[in-house]
Full PDB file with SEQRES, HELIX, SHEET, SSBOND, CRYST1, ORIGX, SCALE, CONECT and MASTER records, all heavy atoms in Angstrom:
SEQRES   1 A   43  TYR PHE ILE ILE ALA GLU ALA LEU THR ASN ILE THR LYS          
SEQRES   2 A   43  HIS ALA GLY ALA SER ALA ALA SER VAL ARG LEU ALA ALA          
SEQRES   3 A   43  THR ASP ASP THR LEU LEU ILE THR VAL ARG ASP ASP GLY          
SEQRES   4 A   43  ARG GLY GLY ALA                                              
HELIX    1 AA1 PHE A    2  ASN A   10  1                                   9    
HELIX    2 AA2 ILE A   11  ALA A   15  3                                   5    
SHEET    1 AA1 2 ALA A  20  ALA A  26  0                                        
SHEET    2 AA1 2 LEU A  31  ASP A  37 -1                                        
CRYST1    1.000    1.000    1.000  90.00  90.00  90.00 P 1           1          
ORIGX1      1.000000  0.000000  0.000000        0.00000                         
ORIGX2      0.000000  1.000000  0.000000        0.00000                         
ORIGX3      0.000000  0.000000  1.000000        0.00000                         
SCALE1      1.000000  0.000000  0.000000        0.00000                         
SCALE2      0.000000  1.000000  0.000000        0.00000                         
SCALE3      0.000000  0.000000  1.000000        0.00000                         
ATOM      1  N   TYR A   1     -95.121   7.404-126.884  1.00  0.00           N  
ATOM      2  CA  TYR A   1     -93.677   7.148-127.021  1.00  0.00           C  
ATOM      3  C   TYR A   1     -93.419   5.680-127.367  1.00  0.00           C  
ATOM      4  O   TYR A   1     -92.673   5.363-128.304  1.00  0.00           O  
ATOM      5  CB  TYR A   1     -92.980   7.522-125.719  1.00  0.00           C  
ATOM      6  CG  TYR A   1     -91.500   7.227-125.703  1.00  0.00           C  
ATOM      7  CD1 TYR A   1     -90.580   8.152-126.175  1.00  0.00           C  
ATOM      8  CD2 TYR A   1     -91.019   6.015-125.211  1.00  0.00           C  
ATOM      9  CE1 TYR A   1     -89.215   7.890-126.164  1.00  0.00           C  
ATOM     10  CE2 TYR A   1     -89.661   5.738-125.187  1.00  0.00           C  
ATOM     11  CZ  TYR A   1     -88.766   6.674-125.665  1.00  0.00           C  
ATOM     12  OH  TYR A   1     -87.426   6.397-125.654  1.00  0.00           O  
ATOM     13  N   PHE A   2     -94.058   4.761-126.619  1.00  0.00           N  
ATOM     14  CA  PHE A   2     -93.813   3.341-126.853  1.00  0.00           C  
ATOM     15  C   PHE A   2     -94.426   2.870-128.171  1.00  0.00           C  
ATOM     16  O   PHE A   2     -93.896   1.965-128.827  1.00  0.00           O  
ATOM     17  CB  PHE A   2     -94.344   2.513-125.689  1.00  0.00           C  
ATOM     18  CG  PHE A   2     -93.523   2.630-124.432  1.00  0.00           C  
ATOM     19  CD1 PHE A   2     -94.087   3.104-123.262  1.00  0.00           C  
ATOM     20  CD2 PHE A   2     -92.180   2.296-124.440  1.00  0.00           C  
ATOM     21  CE1 PHE A   2     -93.323   3.228-122.113  1.00  0.00           C  
ATOM     22  CE2 PHE A   2     -91.412   2.413-123.295  1.00  0.00           C  
ATOM     23  CZ  PHE A   2     -91.984   2.881-122.121  1.00  0.00           C  
ATOM     24  N   ILE A   3     -95.544   3.474-128.586  1.00  0.00           N  
ATOM     25  CA  ILE A   3     -96.132   3.122-129.881  1.00  0.00           C  
ATOM     26  C   ILE A   3     -95.175   3.488-131.009  1.00  0.00           C  
ATOM     27  O   ILE A   3     -94.928   2.692-131.926  1.00  0.00           O  
ATOM     28  CB  ILE A   3     -97.499   3.831-130.053  1.00  0.00           C  
ATOM     29  CG1 ILE A   3     -98.560   3.141-129.194  1.00  0.00           C  
ATOM     30  CG2 ILE A   3     -97.926   3.842-131.522  1.00  0.00           C  
ATOM     31  CD1 ILE A   3     -99.881   3.886-129.155  1.00  0.00           C  
ATOM     32  N   ILE A   4     -94.630   4.695-130.953  1.00  0.00           N  
ATOM     33  CA  ILE A   4     -93.692   5.120-131.993  1.00  0.00           C  
ATOM     34  C   ILE A   4     -92.418   4.278-131.944  1.00  0.00           C  
ATOM     35  O   ILE A   4     -91.885   3.877-132.987  1.00  0.00           O  
ATOM     36  CB  ILE A   4     -93.372   6.618-131.840  1.00  0.00           C  
ATOM     37  CG1 ILE A   4     -94.644   7.450-132.072  1.00  0.00           C  
ATOM     38  CG2 ILE A   4     -92.279   7.049-132.807  1.00  0.00           C  
ATOM     39  CD1 ILE A   4     -94.482   8.916-131.785  1.00  0.00           C  
ATOM     40  N   ALA A   5     -91.934   3.992-130.726  1.00  0.00           N  
ATOM     41  CA  ALA A   5     -90.735   3.165-130.602  1.00  0.00           C  
ATOM     42  C   ALA A   5     -90.965   1.778-131.187  1.00  0.00           C  
ATOM     43  O   ALA A   5     -90.111   1.242-131.916  1.00  0.00           O  
ATOM     44  CB  ALA A   5     -90.330   3.063-129.130  1.00  0.00           C  
ATOM     45  N   GLU A   6     -92.121   1.180-130.907  1.00  0.00           N  
ATOM     46  CA  GLU A   6     -92.420  -0.152-131.439  1.00  0.00           C  
ATOM     47  C   GLU A   6     -92.564  -0.106-132.952  1.00  0.00           C  
ATOM     48  O   GLU A   6     -92.104  -1.010-133.669  1.00  0.00           O  
ATOM     49  CB  GLU A   6     -93.705  -0.680-130.805  1.00  0.00           C  
ATOM     50  CG  GLU A   6     -94.071  -2.103-131.201  1.00  0.00           C  
ATOM     51  CD  GLU A   6     -93.042  -3.115-130.728  1.00  0.00           C  
ATOM     52  OE1 GLU A   6     -92.566  -2.995-129.584  1.00  0.00           O  
ATOM     53  OE2 GLU A   6     -92.693  -4.013-131.521  1.00  0.00           O  
ATOM     54  N   ALA A   7     -93.201   0.940-133.461  1.00  0.00           N  
ATOM     55  CA  ALA A   7     -93.374   1.056-134.914  1.00  0.00           C  
ATOM     56  C   ALA A   7     -92.022   1.184-135.614  1.00  0.00           C  
ATOM     57  O   ALA A   7     -91.781   0.544-136.650  1.00  0.00           O  
ATOM     58  CB  ALA A   7     -94.261   2.261-135.240  1.00  0.00           C  
ATOM     59  N   LEU A   8     -91.131   2.001-135.074  1.00  0.00           N  
ATOM     60  CA  LEU A   8     -89.805   2.143-135.683  1.00  0.00           C  
ATOM     61  C   LEU A   8     -88.997   0.853-135.562  1.00  0.00           C  
ATOM     62  O   LEU A   8     -88.216   0.513-136.474  1.00  0.00           O  
ATOM     63  CB  LEU A   8     -89.058   3.307-135.034  1.00  0.00           C  
ATOM     64  CG  LEU A   8     -89.643   4.704-135.290  1.00  0.00           C  
ATOM     65  CD1 LEU A   8     -88.826   5.769-134.575  1.00  0.00           C  
ATOM     66  CD2 LEU A   8     -89.715   4.998-136.785  1.00  0.00           C  
ATOM     67  N   THR A   9     -89.168   0.123-134.473  1.00  0.00           N  
ATOM     68  CA  THR A   9     -88.502  -1.175-134.342  1.00  0.00           C  
ATOM     69  C   THR A   9     -89.009  -2.148-135.391  1.00  0.00           C  
ATOM     70  O   THR A   9     -88.226  -2.897-136.006  1.00  0.00           O  
ATOM     71  CB  THR A   9     -88.734  -1.738-132.936  1.00  0.00           C  
ATOM     72  OG1 THR A   9     -88.217  -0.831-131.970  1.00  0.00           O  
ATOM     73  CG2 THR A   9     -88.047  -3.086-132.773  1.00  0.00           C  
ATOM     74  N   ASN A  10     -90.320  -2.153-135.628  1.00  0.00           N  
ATOM     75  CA  ASN A  10     -90.885  -3.018-136.677  1.00  0.00           C  
ATOM     76  C   ASN A  10     -90.311  -2.671-138.047  1.00  0.00           C  
ATOM     77  O   ASN A  10     -89.988  -3.553-138.848  1.00  0.00           O  
ATOM     78  CB  ASN A  10     -92.409  -2.872-136.713  1.00  0.00           C  
ATOM     79  CG  ASN A  10     -93.078  -3.522-135.522  1.00  0.00           C  
ATOM     80  OD1 ASN A  10     -92.495  -4.365-134.851  1.00  0.00           O  
ATOM     81  ND2 ASN A  10     -94.311  -3.120-135.255  1.00  0.00           N  
ATOM     82  N   ILE A  11     -90.192  -1.373-138.312  1.00  0.00           N  
ATOM     83  CA  ILE A  11     -89.641  -0.942-139.603  1.00  0.00           C  
ATOM     84  C   ILE A  11     -88.209  -1.431-139.749  1.00  0.00           C  
ATOM     85  O   ILE A  11     -87.798  -1.936-140.801  1.00  0.00           O  
ATOM     86  CB  ILE A  11     -89.726   0.589-139.726  1.00  0.00           C  
ATOM     87  CG1 ILE A  11     -91.190   1.033-139.822  1.00  0.00           C  
ATOM     88  CG2 ILE A  11     -88.944   1.083-140.941  1.00  0.00           C  
ATOM     89  CD1 ILE A  11     -91.371   2.533-139.769  1.00  0.00           C  
ATOM     90  N   THR A  12     -87.442  -1.299-138.679  1.00  0.00           N  
ATOM     91  CA  THR A  12     -86.033  -1.708-138.729  1.00  0.00           C  
ATOM     92  C   THR A  12     -85.896  -3.223-138.936  1.00  0.00           C  
ATOM     93  O   THR A  12     -85.061  -3.673-139.722  1.00  0.00           O  
ATOM     94  CB  THR A  12     -85.325  -1.293-137.438  1.00  0.00           C  
ATOM     95  OG1 THR A  12     -85.448   0.130-137.274  1.00  0.00           O  
ATOM     96  CG2 THR A  12     -83.863  -1.674-137.469  1.00  0.00           C  
ATOM     97  N   LYS A  13     -86.722  -4.000-138.246  1.00  0.00           N  
ATOM     98  CA  LYS A  13     -86.571  -5.451-138.275  1.00  0.00           C  
ATOM     99  C   LYS A  13     -87.235  -6.114-139.478  1.00  0.00           C  
ATOM    100  O   LYS A  13     -86.723  -7.097-140.012  1.00  0.00           O  
ATOM    101  CB  LYS A  13     -87.155  -6.059-136.993  1.00  0.00           C  
ATOM    102  CG  LYS A  13     -86.367  -5.746-135.735  1.00  0.00           C  
ATOM    103  CD  LYS A  13     -86.992  -6.451-134.540  1.00  0.00           C  
ATOM    104  CE  LYS A  13     -86.193  -6.229-133.271  1.00  0.00           C  
ATOM    105  NZ  LYS A  13     -86.812  -6.912-132.097  1.00  0.00           N  
ATOM    106  N   HIS A  14     -88.387  -5.603-139.894  1.00  0.00           N  
ATOM    107  CA  HIS A  14     -89.210  -6.378-140.827  1.00  0.00           C  
ATOM    108  C   HIS A  14     -89.486  -5.700-142.164  1.00  0.00           C  
ATOM    109  O   HIS A  14     -89.808  -6.383-143.135  1.00  0.00           O  
ATOM    110  CB  HIS A  14     -90.569  -6.700-140.177  1.00  0.00           C  
ATOM    111  CG  HIS A  14     -90.468  -7.353-138.828  1.00  0.00           C  
ATOM    112  ND1 HIS A  14     -90.013  -8.632-138.657  1.00  0.00           N  
ATOM    113  CD2 HIS A  14     -90.753  -6.875-137.595  1.00  0.00           C  
ATOM    114  CE1 HIS A  14     -90.030  -8.944-137.361  1.00  0.00           C  
ATOM    115  NE2 HIS A  14     -90.470  -7.893-136.697  1.00  0.00           N  
ATOM    116  N   ALA A  15     -89.411  -4.371-142.238  1.00  0.00           N  
ATOM    117  CA  ALA A  15     -89.937  -3.688-143.422  1.00  0.00           C  
ATOM    118  C   ALA A  15     -88.974  -3.688-144.599  1.00  0.00           C  
ATOM    119  O   ALA A  15     -89.409  -3.615-145.753  1.00  0.00           O  
ATOM    120  CB  ALA A  15     -90.313  -2.239-143.075  1.00  0.00           C  
ATOM    121  N   GLY A  16     -87.663  -3.745-144.342  1.00  0.00           N  
ATOM    122  CA  GLY A  16     -86.708  -3.588-145.437  1.00  0.00           C  
ATOM    123  C   GLY A  16     -86.816  -2.227-146.085  1.00  0.00           C  
ATOM    124  O   GLY A  16     -86.666  -2.091-147.310  1.00  0.00           O  
ATOM    125  N   ALA A  17     -87.072  -1.199-145.272  1.00  0.00           N  
ATOM    126  CA  ALA A  17     -87.319   0.142-145.807  1.00  0.00           C  
ATOM    127  C   ALA A  17     -86.021   0.922-145.931  1.00  0.00           C  
ATOM    128  O   ALA A  17     -85.037   0.670-145.228  1.00  0.00           O  
ATOM    129  CB  ALA A  17     -88.296   0.893-144.904  1.00  0.00           C  
ATOM    130  N   SER A  18     -86.042   1.883-146.842  1.00  0.00           N  
ATOM    131  CA  SER A  18     -84.909   2.797-146.995  1.00  0.00           C  
ATOM    132  C   SER A  18     -85.194   4.150-146.368  1.00  0.00           C  
ATOM    133  O   SER A  18     -84.283   4.967-146.217  1.00  0.00           O  
ATOM    134  CB  SER A  18     -84.586   2.984-148.479  1.00  0.00           C  
ATOM    135  OG  SER A  18     -85.706   3.534-149.171  1.00  0.00           O  
ATOM    136  N   ALA A  19     -86.437   4.416-146.018  1.00  0.00           N  
ATOM    137  CA  ALA A  19     -86.801   5.687-145.400  1.00  0.00           C  
ATOM    138  C   ALA A  19     -88.076   5.508-144.595  1.00  0.00           C  
ATOM    139  O   ALA A  19     -88.923   4.672-144.913  1.00  0.00           O  
ATOM    140  CB  ALA A  19     -86.994   6.787-146.454  1.00  0.00           C  
ATOM    141  N   ALA A  20     -88.199   6.293-143.552  1.00  0.00           N  
ATOM    142  CA  ALA A  20     -89.391   6.276-142.704  1.00  0.00           C  
ATOM    143  C   ALA A  20     -89.714   7.708-142.304  1.00  0.00           C  
ATOM    144  O   ALA A  20     -88.881   8.614-142.430  1.00  0.00           O  
ATOM    145  CB  ALA A  20     -89.171   5.406-141.471  1.00  0.00           C  
ATOM    146  N   SER A  21     -90.930   7.904-141.832  1.00  0.00           N  
ATOM    147  CA  SER A  21     -91.332   9.229-141.367  1.00  0.00           C  
ATOM    148  C   SER A  21     -92.292   9.076-140.207  1.00  0.00           C  
ATOM    149  O   SER A  21     -93.062   8.116-140.128  1.00  0.00           O  
ATOM    150  CB  SER A  21     -91.996  10.036-142.500  1.00  0.00           C  
ATOM    151  OG  SER A  21     -93.209   9.430-142.899  1.00  0.00           O  
ATOM    152  N   VAL A  22     -92.234  10.025-139.303  1.00  0.00           N  
ATOM    153  CA  VAL A  22     -93.124  10.068-138.141  1.00  0.00           C  
ATOM    154  C   VAL A  22     -93.770  11.446-138.111  1.00  0.00           C  
ATOM    155  O   VAL A  22     -93.079  12.472-138.188  1.00  0.00           O  
ATOM    156  CB  VAL A  22     -92.361   9.815-136.827  1.00  0.00           C  
ATOM    157  CG1 VAL A  22     -93.304   9.967-135.632  1.00  0.00           C  
ATOM    158  CG2 VAL A  22     -91.728   8.434-136.825  1.00  0.00           C  
ATOM    159  N   ARG A  23     -95.083  11.459-138.014  1.00  0.00           N  
ATOM    160  CA  ARG A  23     -95.818  12.721-137.902  1.00  0.00           C  
ATOM    161  C   ARG A  23     -96.606  12.703-136.603  1.00  0.00           C  
ATOM    162  O   ARG A  23     -97.318  11.742-136.304  1.00  0.00           O  
ATOM    163  CB  ARG A  23     -96.757  12.919-139.084  1.00  0.00           C  
ATOM    164  CG  ARG A  23     -97.467  14.271-139.065  1.00  0.00           C  
ATOM    165  CD  ARG A  23     -98.300  14.486-140.322  1.00  0.00           C  
ATOM    166  NE  ARG A  23     -98.855  15.836-140.362  1.00  0.00           N  
ATOM    167  CZ  ARG A  23    -100.007  16.182-139.804  1.00  0.00           C  
ATOM    168  NH1 ARG A  23    -100.733  15.265-139.177  1.00  0.00           N  
ATOM    169  NH2 ARG A  23    -100.445  17.425-139.874  1.00  0.00           N  
ATOM    170  N   LEU A  24     -96.480  13.762-135.848  1.00  0.00           N  
ATOM    171  CA  LEU A  24     -97.150  13.889-134.558  1.00  0.00           C  
ATOM    172  C   LEU A  24     -97.943  15.182-134.568  1.00  0.00           C  
ATOM    173  O   LEU A  24     -97.386  16.260-134.772  1.00  0.00           O  
ATOM    174  CB  LEU A  24     -96.110  13.899-133.433  1.00  0.00           C  
ATOM    175  CG  LEU A  24     -96.585  13.623-132.013  1.00  0.00           C  
ATOM    176  CD1 LEU A  24     -97.205  12.243-131.913  1.00  0.00           C  
ATOM    177  CD2 LEU A  24     -95.423  13.738-131.045  1.00  0.00           C  
ATOM    178  N   ALA A  25     -99.242  15.051-134.380  1.00  0.00           N  
ATOM    179  CA  ALA A  25    -100.111  16.225-134.361  1.00  0.00           C  
ATOM    180  C   ALA A  25    -101.136  16.041-133.251  1.00  0.00           C  
ATOM    181  O   ALA A  25    -101.215  14.982-132.617  1.00  0.00           O  
ATOM    182  CB  ALA A  25    -100.798  16.425-135.716  1.00  0.00           C  
ATOM    183  N   ALA A  26    -101.930  17.065-133.024  1.00  0.00           N  
ATOM    184  CA  ALA A  26    -102.894  16.994-131.933  1.00  0.00           C  
ATOM    185  C   ALA A  26    -104.018  17.981-132.156  1.00  0.00           C  
ATOM    186  O   ALA A  26    -103.845  19.029-132.785  1.00  0.00           O  
ATOM    187  CB  ALA A  26    -102.217  17.267-130.588  1.00  0.00           C  
ATOM    188  N   THR A  27    -105.185  17.600-131.648  1.00  0.00           N  
ATOM    189  CA  THR A  27    -106.294  18.524-131.495  1.00  0.00           C  
ATOM    190  C   THR A  27    -106.455  18.781-129.999  1.00  0.00           C  
ATOM    191  O   THR A  27    -105.621  18.369-129.193  1.00  0.00           O  
ATOM    192  CB  THR A  27    -107.574  17.943-132.096  1.00  0.00           C  
ATOM    193  OG1 THR A  27    -107.928  16.739-131.389  1.00  0.00           O  
ATOM    194  CG2 THR A  27    -107.371  17.599-133.567  1.00  0.00           C  
ATOM    195  N   ASP A  28    -107.529  19.446-129.624  1.00  0.00           N  
ATOM    196  CA  ASP A  28    -107.716  19.746-128.204  1.00  0.00           C  
ATOM    197  C   ASP A  28    -107.839  18.480-127.369  1.00  0.00           C  
ATOM    198  O   ASP A  28    -107.423  18.451-126.213  1.00  0.00           O  
ATOM    199  CB  ASP A  28    -108.966  20.617-128.006  1.00  0.00           C  
ATOM    200  CG  ASP A  28    -108.758  22.022-128.543  1.00  0.00           C  
ATOM    201  OD1 ASP A  28    -107.580  22.415-128.717  1.00  0.00           O  
ATOM    202  OD2 ASP A  28    -109.760  22.703-128.807  1.00  0.00           O  
ATOM    203  N   ASP A  29    -108.433  17.437-127.947  1.00  0.00           N  
ATOM    204  CA  ASP A  29    -108.701  16.239-127.151  1.00  0.00           C  
ATOM    205  C   ASP A  29    -108.160  14.956-127.761  1.00  0.00           C  
ATOM    206  O   ASP A  29    -108.514  13.864-127.316  1.00  0.00           O  
ATOM    207  CB  ASP A  29    -110.211  16.088-126.928  1.00  0.00           C  
ATOM    208  CG  ASP A  29    -110.990  16.053-128.239  1.00  0.00           C  
ATOM    209  OD1 ASP A  29    -110.353  16.140-129.316  1.00  0.00           O  
ATOM    210  OD2 ASP A  29    -112.221  15.938-128.199  1.00  0.00           O  
ATOM    211  N   THR A  30    -107.308  15.037-128.777  1.00  0.00           N  
ATOM    212  CA  THR A  30    -106.809  13.835-129.430  1.00  0.00           C  
ATOM    213  C   THR A  30    -105.350  14.030-129.839  1.00  0.00           C  
ATOM    214  O   THR A  30    -104.972  15.089-130.322  1.00  0.00           O  
ATOM    215  CB  THR A  30    -107.641  13.501-130.692  1.00  0.00           C  
ATOM    216  OG1 THR A  30    -109.017  13.400-130.335  1.00  0.00           O  
ATOM    217  CG2 THR A  30    -107.200  12.165-131.289  1.00  0.00           C  
ATOM    218  N   LEU A  31    -104.569  12.985-129.634  1.00  0.00           N  
ATOM    219  CA  LEU A  31    -103.187  12.948-130.102  1.00  0.00           C  
ATOM    220  C   LEU A  31    -103.132  12.053-131.335  1.00  0.00           C  
ATOM    221  O   LEU A  31    -103.620  10.912-131.309  1.00  0.00           O  
ATOM    222  CB  LEU A  31    -102.275  12.400-129.004  1.00  0.00           C  
ATOM    223  CG  LEU A  31    -100.768  12.504-129.240  1.00  0.00           C  
ATOM    224  CD1 LEU A  31    -100.345  13.961-129.319  1.00  0.00           C  
ATOM    225  CD2 LEU A  31    -100.010  11.792-128.134  1.00  0.00           C  
ATOM    226  N   LEU A  32    -102.572  12.551-132.432  1.00  0.00           N  
ATOM    227  CA  LEU A  32    -102.570  11.857-133.710  1.00  0.00           C  
ATOM    228  C   LEU A  32    -101.145  11.463-134.063  1.00  0.00           C  
ATOM    229  O   LEU A  32    -100.251  12.310-134.114  1.00  0.00           O  
ATOM    230  CB  LEU A  32    -103.151  12.761-134.804  1.00  0.00           C  
ATOM    231  CG  LEU A  32    -104.515  13.387-134.497  1.00  0.00           C  
ATOM    232  CD1 LEU A  32    -104.889  14.386-135.579  1.00  0.00           C  
ATOM    233  CD2 LEU A  32    -105.580  12.311-134.385  1.00  0.00           C  
ATOM    234  N   ILE A  33    -100.953  10.175-134.333  1.00  0.00           N  
ATOM    235  CA  ILE A  33     -99.630   9.635-134.664  1.00  0.00           C  
ATOM    236  C   ILE A  33     -99.714   8.961-136.024  1.00  0.00           C  
ATOM    237  O   ILE A  33    -100.619   8.153-136.265  1.00  0.00           O  
ATOM    238  CB  ILE A  33     -99.166   8.607-133.614  1.00  0.00           C  
ATOM    239  CG1 ILE A  33     -99.140   9.237-132.221  1.00  0.00           C  
ATOM    240  CG2 ILE A  33     -97.803   8.034-133.972  1.00  0.00           C  
ATOM    241  CD1 ILE A  33     -98.969   8.225-131.105  1.00  0.00           C  
ATOM    242  N   THR A  34     -98.780   9.280-136.909  1.00  0.00           N  
ATOM    243  CA  THR A  34     -98.698   8.638-138.219  1.00  0.00           C  
ATOM    244  C   THR A  34     -97.256   8.217-138.456  1.00  0.00           C  
ATOM    245  O   THR A  34     -96.354   9.062-138.433  1.00  0.00           O  
ATOM    246  CB  THR A  34     -99.162   9.570-139.352  1.00  0.00           C  
ATOM    247  OG1 THR A  34    -100.480  10.040-139.078  1.00  0.00           O  
ATOM    248  CG2 THR A  34     -99.162   8.829-140.681  1.00  0.00           C  
ATOM    249  N   VAL A  35     -97.051   6.924-138.676  1.00  0.00           N  
ATOM    250  CA  VAL A  35     -95.721   6.383-138.962  1.00  0.00           C  
ATOM    251  C   VAL A  35     -95.788   5.711-140.333  1.00  0.00           C  
ATOM    252  O   VAL A  35     -96.638   4.842-140.570  1.00  0.00           O  
ATOM    253  CB  VAL A  35     -95.269   5.379-137.889  1.00  0.00           C  
ATOM    254  CG1 VAL A  35     -93.858   4.886-138.191  1.00  0.00           C  
ATOM    255  CG2 VAL A  35     -95.323   6.008-136.505  1.00  0.00           C  
ATOM    256  N   ARG A  36     -94.895   6.113-141.228  1.00  0.00           N  
ATOM    257  CA  ARG A  36     -94.910   5.632-142.610  1.00  0.00           C  
ATOM    258  C   ARG A  36     -93.526   5.123-142.988  1.00  0.00           C  
ATOM    259  O   ARG A  36     -92.506   5.654-142.540  1.00  0.00           O  
ATOM    260  CB  ARG A  36     -95.329   6.766-143.548  1.00  0.00           C  
ATOM    261  CG  ARG A  36     -95.369   6.415-145.020  1.00  0.00           C  
ATOM    262  CD  ARG A  36     -95.575   7.691-145.849  1.00  0.00           C  
ATOM    263  NE  ARG A  36     -96.824   8.344-145.525  1.00  0.00           N  
ATOM    264  CZ  ARG A  36     -97.947   8.152-146.194  1.00  0.00           C  
ATOM    265  NH1 ARG A  36     -97.968   7.325-147.236  1.00  0.00           N  
ATOM    266  NH2 ARG A  36     -99.055   8.797-145.849  1.00  0.00           N  
ATOM    267  N   ASP A  37     -93.496   4.081-143.833  1.00  0.00           N  
ATOM    268  CA  ASP A  37     -92.217   3.621-144.383  1.00  0.00           C  
ATOM    269  C   ASP A  37     -92.420   3.169-145.822  1.00  0.00           C  
ATOM    270  O   ASP A  37     -93.552   2.907-146.253  1.00  0.00           O  
ATOM    271  CB  ASP A  37     -91.624   2.476-143.539  1.00  0.00           C  
ATOM    272  CG  ASP A  37     -92.409   1.178-143.670  1.00  0.00           C  
ATOM    273  OD1 ASP A  37     -92.256   0.476-144.683  1.00  0.00           O  
ATOM    274  OD2 ASP A  37     -93.183   0.859-142.745  1.00  0.00           O  
ATOM    275  N   ASP A  38     -91.327   3.098-146.584  1.00  0.00           N  
ATOM    276  CA  ASP A  38     -91.394   2.713-147.994  1.00  0.00           C  
ATOM    277  C   ASP A  38     -90.912   1.279-148.197  1.00  0.00           C  
ATOM    278  O   ASP A  38     -90.372   0.941-149.254  1.00  0.00           O  
ATOM    279  CB  ASP A  38     -90.556   3.669-148.850  1.00  0.00           C  
ATOM    280  CG  ASP A  38     -89.074   3.651-148.462  1.00  0.00           C  
ATOM    281  OD1 ASP A  38     -88.732   2.970-147.465  1.00  0.00           O  
ATOM    282  OD2 ASP A  38     -88.269   4.297-149.153  1.00  0.00           O  
ATOM    283  N   GLY A  39     -91.130   0.433-147.201  1.00  0.00           N  
ATOM    284  CA  GLY A  39     -90.655  -0.941-147.258  1.00  0.00           C  
ATOM    285  C   GLY A  39     -91.516  -1.847-148.107  1.00  0.00           C  
ATOM    286  O   GLY A  39     -92.329  -1.406-148.915  1.00  0.00           O  
ATOM    287  N   ARG A  40     -91.358  -3.156-147.854  1.00  0.00           N  
ATOM    288  CA  ARG A  40     -92.006  -4.166-148.697  1.00  0.00           C  
ATOM    289  C   ARG A  40     -93.490  -4.313-148.435  1.00  0.00           C  
ATOM    290  O   ARG A  40     -94.206  -4.939-149.222  1.00  0.00           O  
ATOM    291  CB  ARG A  40     -91.314  -5.518-148.498  1.00  0.00           C  
ATOM    292  CG  ARG A  40     -91.439  -6.095-147.097  1.00  0.00           C  
ATOM    293  CD  ARG A  40     -90.804  -7.476-146.999  1.00  0.00           C  
ATOM    294  NE  ARG A  40     -89.389  -7.415-147.234  1.00  0.00           N  
ATOM    295  CZ  ARG A  40     -88.480  -7.301-146.256  1.00  0.00           C  
ATOM    296  NH1 ARG A  40     -88.885  -7.209-144.984  1.00  0.00           N  
ATOM    297  NH2 ARG A  40     -87.199  -7.264-146.515  1.00  0.00           N  
ATOM    298  N   GLY A  41     -94.003  -3.763-147.341  1.00  0.00           N  
ATOM    299  CA  GLY A  41     -95.429  -3.858-147.045  1.00  0.00           C  
ATOM    300  C   GLY A  41     -95.818  -5.243-146.578  1.00  0.00           C  
ATOM    301  O   GLY A  41     -94.984  -6.074-146.208  1.00  0.00           O  
ATOM    302  N   GLY A  42     -97.127  -5.504-146.616  1.00  0.00           N  
ATOM    303  CA  GLY A  42     -97.630  -6.814-146.216  1.00  0.00           C  
ATOM    304  C   GLY A  42     -97.599  -7.044-144.719  1.00  0.00           C  
ATOM    305  O   GLY A  42     -97.632  -8.192-144.278  1.00  0.00           O  
ATOM    306  N   ALA A  43     -97.551  -5.982-143.907  1.00  0.00           N  
ATOM    307  CA  ALA A  43     -97.538  -6.146-142.453  1.00  0.00           C  
ATOM    308  C   ALA A  43     -98.872  -6.733-142.000  1.00  0.00           C  
ATOM    309  O   ALA A  43     -99.938  -6.353-142.484  1.00  0.00           O  
ATOM    310  CB  ALA A  43     -97.284  -4.808-141.770  1.00  0.00           C  
TER     311      ALA A  43                                                      
MASTER        0    0    0    2    2    0    0    6  310    1    0    4          
END                                                                             
């Protein structure tokens, strides 16, 4: 939860993005998080 919250905060403050996406998936023993934005990059 806090990782996704921090990532979205970074996008809002620094990325200059017009769109973002969050993908949450899992296997039996791993939780997979992917956060993407179309901002300026260079993080």
